[in-house]
């Protein structure tokens, strides 16, 4: 199933996309799509519904972030060997982990705001993994049992803040609006192989990223297992699994986002995002 949240910011309704591409209202059956939704096994409740009996919602409604009240937004760095090379960094011997502020999360088509002094903001299309139940010290073999579904993530990154300033990567990763997620949460039954998904990003109509998850260094089951050794993963947490090559940092000369730019990005079977870039006005 493809779950989504639609409506104005702060007033989103839980919804589902039916087999005909029609958005159906779930608000009479579930309060929201969040950690509690997964913890209470509402996926099965929805699977048992007759979708044709649900009210139809306007397809032009804003699509919100697919998960409300995300607890942790965990990212994996340098997880594609060719992206590590374009970044001038070695492939890590273990996954590089960092946190993205949950306040960075926006809807898939919301406006991206550059920080007032940002000159090196960059794009990164990534496969997102949504946790469905608590995962604590889980094995790699069992890891996918703890996953609710998958989504598109744009891990927007301010490279000066991330790399040139003192401290950890989170300064360049957690800026407001730097975490578009969606448009759908696609449940695991509809994604048969996370190790072979095409993912791409266009900047102003030009294809700049065109990769496949088959070149990921550390695959989804290993990442869920690995991260669960260091922290428990809770329902509704998101893991963003890394980006293929084609980011602005790796271009010669480097190319970064500017006001008026348009990013369009997507992953096979998981939908597309579309964001316009503005600069935050102080």
Protein backbone atom coordinates (compact mmCIF):
# COMPACT_ATOMS: atom_id res chain seq x y z
CA UNK A 1 0.00 0.00 0.00
CA UNK A 2 0.97 3.63 -0.51
CA UNK A 3 0.26 5.75 2.55
CA UNK A 4 0.43 9.54 2.59
CA UNK A 5 -0.64 12.61 4.52
CA UNK A 6 -2.42 15.44 2.72
CA UNK A 7 -3.60 18.92 3.63
CA UNK A 8 -2.25 22.25 4.81
CA UNK A 9 0.76 22.28 7.12
CA UNK A 10 -0.28 21.13 10.57
CA UNK A 11 -3.70 19.96 9.32
CA UNK A 12 -2.71 16.90 7.29
CA UNK A 13 -5.06 13.93 7.05
CA UNK A 14 -3.88 10.32 6.82
CA UNK A 15 -4.67 8.90 3.40
CA UNK A 16 -4.01 6.01 1.06
CA UNK A 17 -3.47 5.84 -2.69
CA UNK A 18 -5.74 3.19 -4.23
CA UNK A 19 -4.92 0.99 -7.22
CA UNK A 20 -6.38 3.60 -9.60
CA UNK A 21 -4.21 6.39 -8.23
CA UNK A 22 -7.08 7.98 -6.27
CA UNK A 23 -6.32 9.46 -2.84
CA UNK A 24 -8.69 8.07 -0.17
CA UNK A 25 -9.29 9.52 3.29
CA UNK A 26 -8.24 7.32 6.24
CA UNK A 27 -9.04 9.80 9.01
CA UNK A 28 -12.18 7.94 10.11
CA UNK A 29 -10.04 4.87 10.83
CA UNK A 30 -6.67 6.17 12.07
CA UNK A 31 -5.64 9.40 13.78
CA UNK A 32 -2.41 9.93 11.85
CA UNK A 33 0.55 8.15 10.28
CA UNK A 34 3.17 8.25 13.01
CA UNK A 35 4.97 5.98 15.44
CA UNK A 36 1.74 5.05 17.20
CA UNK A 37 0.20 4.07 13.86
CA UNK A 38 2.85 1.40 13.39
CA UNK A 39 3.08 0.37 17.04
CA UNK A 40 -0.67 -0.39 17.05
CA UNK A 41 -0.40 -2.46 13.85
CA UNK A 42 -2.74 -0.20 11.92
CA UNK A 43 -1.24 -1.41 8.65
CA UNK A 44 -3.22 -4.62 8.98
CA UNK A 45 -6.35 -2.70 9.92
CA UNK A 46 -6.07 -0.65 6.72
CA UNK A 47 -5.27 -3.70 4.62
CA UNK A 48 -8.63 -5.14 5.65
CA UNK A 49 -10.60 -2.06 4.54
CA UNK A 50 -12.63 -1.79 1.35
CA UNK A 51 -10.82 1.19 -0.15
CA UNK A 52 -13.71 1.95 -2.49
CA UNK A 53 -15.82 2.79 0.57
CA UNK A 54 -13.41 5.53 1.70
CA UNK A 55 -14.05 9.21 0.83
CA UNK A 56 -12.09 10.59 -2.12
CA UNK A 57 -9.76 13.51 -1.44
CA UNK A 58 -8.81 16.23 -3.91
CA UNK A 59 -5.68 15.16 -5.80
CA UNK A 60 -4.48 18.78 -5.73
CA UNK A 61 -4.21 18.87 -1.95
CA UNK A 62 -0.72 19.51 -0.60
CA UNK A 63 1.20 16.36 0.24
CA UNK A 64 2.73 16.57 3.68
CA UNK A 65 5.66 14.69 5.17
CA UNK A 66 4.68 11.02 5.18
CA UNK A 67 5.42 10.52 8.89
CA UNK A 68 4.29 12.80 11.69
CA UNK A 69 6.29 13.29 14.89
CA UNK A 70 9.40 11.47 13.65
CA UNK A 71 11.56 10.44 16.61
CA UNK A 72 14.90 9.93 14.87
CA UNK A 73 16.11 10.84 11.38
CA UNK A 74 19.29 8.80 10.95
CA UNK A 75 21.49 9.12 7.86
CA UNK A 76 24.25 7.01 6.37
CA UNK A 77 27.16 8.84 4.78
CA UNK A 78 29.36 7.78 1.85
CA UNK A 79 27.32 4.63 1.24
CA UNK A 80 27.93 4.57 -2.53
CA UNK A 81 31.55 3.98 -3.54
CA UNK A 82 31.30 6.29 -6.55
CA UNK A 83 29.83 9.09 -4.43
CA UNK A 84 32.65 8.69 -1.89
CA UNK A 85 35.13 9.03 -4.76
CA UNK A 86 33.53 12.22 -6.11
CA UNK A 87 33.57 13.64 -2.57
CA UNK A 88 37.30 12.91 -2.27
CA UNK A 89 36.74 10.52 0.63
CA UNK A 90 37.47 6.84 1.22
CA UNK A 91 34.76 4.21 1.38
CA UNK A 92 34.27 3.72 5.13
CA UNK A 93 35.14 0.39 6.74
CA UNK A 94 31.88 0.72 8.73
CA UNK A 95 28.79 2.81 7.99
CA UNK A 96 29.16 6.51 8.74
CA UNK A 97 26.14 7.58 10.81
CA UNK A 98 24.85 11.06 11.54
CA UNK A 99 21.55 12.59 12.60
CA UNK A 100 19.44 14.98 10.57
CA UNK A 101 17.30 17.29 12.72
CA UNK A 102 13.64 16.29 12.64
CA UNK A 103 12.83 20.01 12.30
CA UNK A 104 14.31 19.77 8.79
CA UNK A 105 11.43 17.54 7.65
CA UNK A 106 8.99 18.95 5.08
CA UNK A 107 6.58 17.61 2.50
CA UNK A 108 7.88 16.24 -0.80
CA UNK A 109 6.86 19.29 -2.84
CA UNK A 110 7.33 22.02 -0.24
CA UNK A 111 9.68 24.95 -0.80
CA UNK A 112 13.32 24.46 0.19
CA UNK A 113 14.74 27.50 1.97
CA UNK A 114 18.46 28.21 1.81
CA UNK A 115 19.92 29.61 5.04
CA UNK A 116 20.54 33.37 4.73
CA UNK A 117 24.32 33.01 4.26
CA UNK A 118 24.42 29.64 2.53
CA UNK A 119 26.51 29.48 -0.65
CA UNK A 120 27.12 25.71 -0.85
CA UNK A 121 23.79 23.94 -0.42
CA UNK A 122 23.60 20.65 -2.32
CA UNK A 123 21.13 17.93 -3.31
CA UNK A 124 21.14 14.18 -2.49
CA UNK A 125 18.41 11.74 -3.58
CA UNK A 126 18.25 8.81 -1.14
CA UNK A 127 16.24 5.73 -0.29
CA UNK A 128 14.47 6.18 3.05
CA UNK A 129 13.65 3.25 5.34
CA UNK A 130 10.75 3.65 7.79
CA UNK A 131 10.88 1.54 10.95
CA UNK A 132 7.67 -0.31 11.88
CA UNK A 133 8.48 -1.79 15.29
CA UNK A 134 11.17 -1.47 17.91
CA UNK A 135 14.48 -2.84 16.66
CA UNK A 136 17.12 -3.43 19.32
CA UNK A 137 20.20 -5.59 18.69
CA UNK A 138 18.48 -7.30 15.75
CA UNK A 139 20.25 -9.69 13.41
CA UNK A 140 20.84 -8.90 9.76
CA UNK A 141 18.74 -11.95 8.83
CA UNK A 142 15.73 -10.62 10.75
CA UNK A 143 16.25 -6.91 10.06
CA UNK A 144 13.56 -6.46 7.39
CA UNK A 145 10.93 -7.76 9.83
CA UNK A 146 11.28 -4.39 11.59
CA UNK A 147 10.75 -2.25 8.49
CA UNK A 148 7.32 -0.77 7.69
CA UNK A 149 8.17 0.61 4.27
CA UNK A 150 10.24 2.90 2.11
CA UNK A 151 10.19 6.45 0.75
CA UNK A 152 12.10 9.06 -1.22
CA UNK A 153 14.34 11.41 0.78
CA UNK A 154 16.21 14.50 -0.42
CA UNK A 155 19.11 14.82 2.03
CA UNK A 156 19.86 18.47 1.26
CA UNK A 157 23.27 19.43 2.64
CA UNK A 158 25.09 22.72 3.18
CA UNK A 159 28.67 21.70 2.35
CA UNK A 160 30.45 24.62 4.00
CA UNK A 161 28.61 24.00 7.25
CA UNK A 162 29.11 20.23 6.91
CA UNK A 163 32.75 20.03 5.89
CA UNK A 164 34.53 23.37 6.28
CA UNK A 165 33.23 24.39 9.70
CA UNK A 166 34.37 22.80 12.95
CA UNK A 167 32.35 19.97 14.45
CA UNK A 168 30.11 17.26 13.09
CA UNK A 169 28.18 16.91 9.84
CA UNK A 170 24.85 17.65 11.50
CA UNK A 171 25.40 21.42 11.13
CA UNK A 172 25.18 21.12 7.36
CA UNK A 173 22.40 18.53 7.34
CA UNK A 174 19.76 19.72 9.76
CA UNK A 175 18.81 23.15 8.43
CA UNK A 176 15.09 23.87 8.27
CA UNK A 177 13.47 22.43 5.09
CA UNK A 178 16.55 20.26 4.33
CA UNK A 179 14.62 16.98 4.75
CA UNK A 180 11.80 16.49 2.20
CA UNK A 181 10.25 13.01 2.62
CA UNK A 182 7.55 11.36 0.53
CA UNK A 183 5.30 11.55 -1.42
CA UNK A 184 4.34 8.06 -0.18
CA UNK A 185 5.29 5.53 2.41
CA UNK A 186 5.32 2.38 0.29
CA UNK A 187 4.91 -0.72 2.43
CA UNK A 188 7.37 -3.59 2.21
CA UNK A 189 4.97 -5.90 0.36
CA UNK A 190 5.20 -3.59 -2.67
CA UNK A 191 9.01 -3.30 -2.66
CA UNK A 192 10.46 -6.70 -3.43
CA UNK A 193 14.14 -5.76 -3.75
CA UNK A 194 15.64 -2.66 -2.14
CA UNK A 195 18.96 -3.69 -3.65
CA UNK A 196 17.91 -2.85 -7.21
CA UNK A 197 16.03 0.45 -7.31
CA UNK A 198 16.81 3.22 -9.76
CA UNK A 199 17.06 6.66 -8.16
CA UNK A 200 17.60 9.99 -9.88
CA UNK A 201 17.52 13.76 -9.46
CA UNK A 202 17.11 16.55 -11.99
CA UNK A 203 18.17 20.15 -11.42
CA UNK A 204 16.31 22.64 -13.61
CA UNK A 205 15.44 19.83 -16.00
CA UNK A 206 19.00 18.42 -16.26
CA UNK A 207 19.59 14.89 -14.97
CA UNK A 208 22.47 15.20 -12.48
CA UNK A 209 22.02 12.02 -10.44
CA UNK A 210 21.16 8.71 -12.09
CA UNK A 211 22.04 5.74 -9.91
CA UNK A 212 20.85 2.43 -8.54
CA UNK A 213 20.77 1.01 -5.03
CA UNK A 214 22.69 -2.01 -6.34
CA UNK A 215 25.87 0.04 -5.89
CA UNK A 216 25.22 0.72 -2.20
CA UNK A 217 28.14 -0.41 -0.05
CA UNK A 218 25.98 -1.35 2.94
CA UNK A 219 22.52 -2.70 2.08
CA UNK A 220 19.25 -2.07 3.91
CA UNK A 221 19.18 -5.26 6.06
CA UNK A 222 22.74 -4.66 7.25
CA UNK A 223 22.05 -0.99 8.02
CA UNK A 224 19.00 -1.77 10.17
CA UNK A 225 20.98 -4.47 11.99
CA UNK A 226 24.06 -2.26 12.38
CA UNK A 227 22.28 0.84 13.66
CA UNK A 228 20.26 -1.24 16.14
CA UNK A 229 23.52 -2.21 17.87
CA UNK A 230 24.06 1.42 18.90
CA UNK A 231 20.53 2.68 19.54
CA UNK A 232 17.06 1.21 19.55
CA UNK A 233 15.05 2.05 16.47
CA UNK A 234 11.48 3.04 17.22
CA UNK A 235 8.30 2.92 15.09
CA UNK A 236 8.26 5.90 12.76
CA UNK A 237 12.03 6.45 12.79
CA UNK A 238 13.60 7.06 9.36
CA UNK A 239 16.93 5.86 8.03
CA UNK A 240 18.24 7.67 4.95
CA UNK A 241 20.64 5.27 3.27
CA UNK A 242 23.05 7.42 1.26
CA UNK A 243 23.23 8.97 -2.20
CA UNK A 244 24.67 7.98 -5.58
CA UNK A 245 27.10 10.25 -7.47
CA UNK A 246 26.09 13.44 -9.20
CA UNK A 247 25.94 15.89 -6.30
CA UNK A 248 27.07 19.47 -6.75
CA UNK A 249 30.12 19.00 -4.51
CA UNK A 250 31.55 16.48 -6.98
CA UNK A 251 31.22 18.64 -10.09
CA UNK A 252 34.11 20.55 -11.70
CA UNK A 253 33.74 23.30 -10.72
CA UNK A 254 31.32 22.54 -7.85
CA UNK A 255 27.74 23.63 -8.44
CA UNK A 256 25.34 24.55 -5.67
CA UNK A 257 21.70 25.46 -5.23
CA UNK A 258 20.55 29.01 -5.80
CA UNK A 259 17.26 30.82 -5.46
CA UNK A 260 14.83 29.83 -8.21
CA UNK A 261 16.31 26.38 -8.81
CA UNK A 262 13.91 23.46 -9.20
CA UNK A 263 14.74 19.93 -8.06
CA UNK A 264 12.77 16.92 -9.30
CA UNK A 265 13.73 13.52 -7.94
CA UNK A 266 12.38 10.02 -7.56
CA UNK A 267 12.95 6.31 -6.94
CA UNK A 268 11.47 3.37 -8.83
CA UNK A 269 8.05 2.56 -7.39
CA UNK A 270 8.28 5.14 -4.59
CA UNK A 271 7.11 8.27 -6.41
CA UNK A 272 8.59 11.67 -7.15
CA UNK A 273 9.32 14.93 -5.36
CA UNK A 274 9.44 18.48 -6.76
CA UNK A 275 10.94 21.40 -4.84
CA UNK A 276 11.57 25.03 -5.69
CA UNK A 277 14.46 26.76 -3.91
CA UNK A 278 14.14 30.11 -2.16
CA UNK A 279 16.42 31.94 0.24
CA UNK A 280 15.23 32.55 3.77
CA UNK A 281 14.63 36.24 4.32
CA UNK A 282 15.84 37.45 7.73
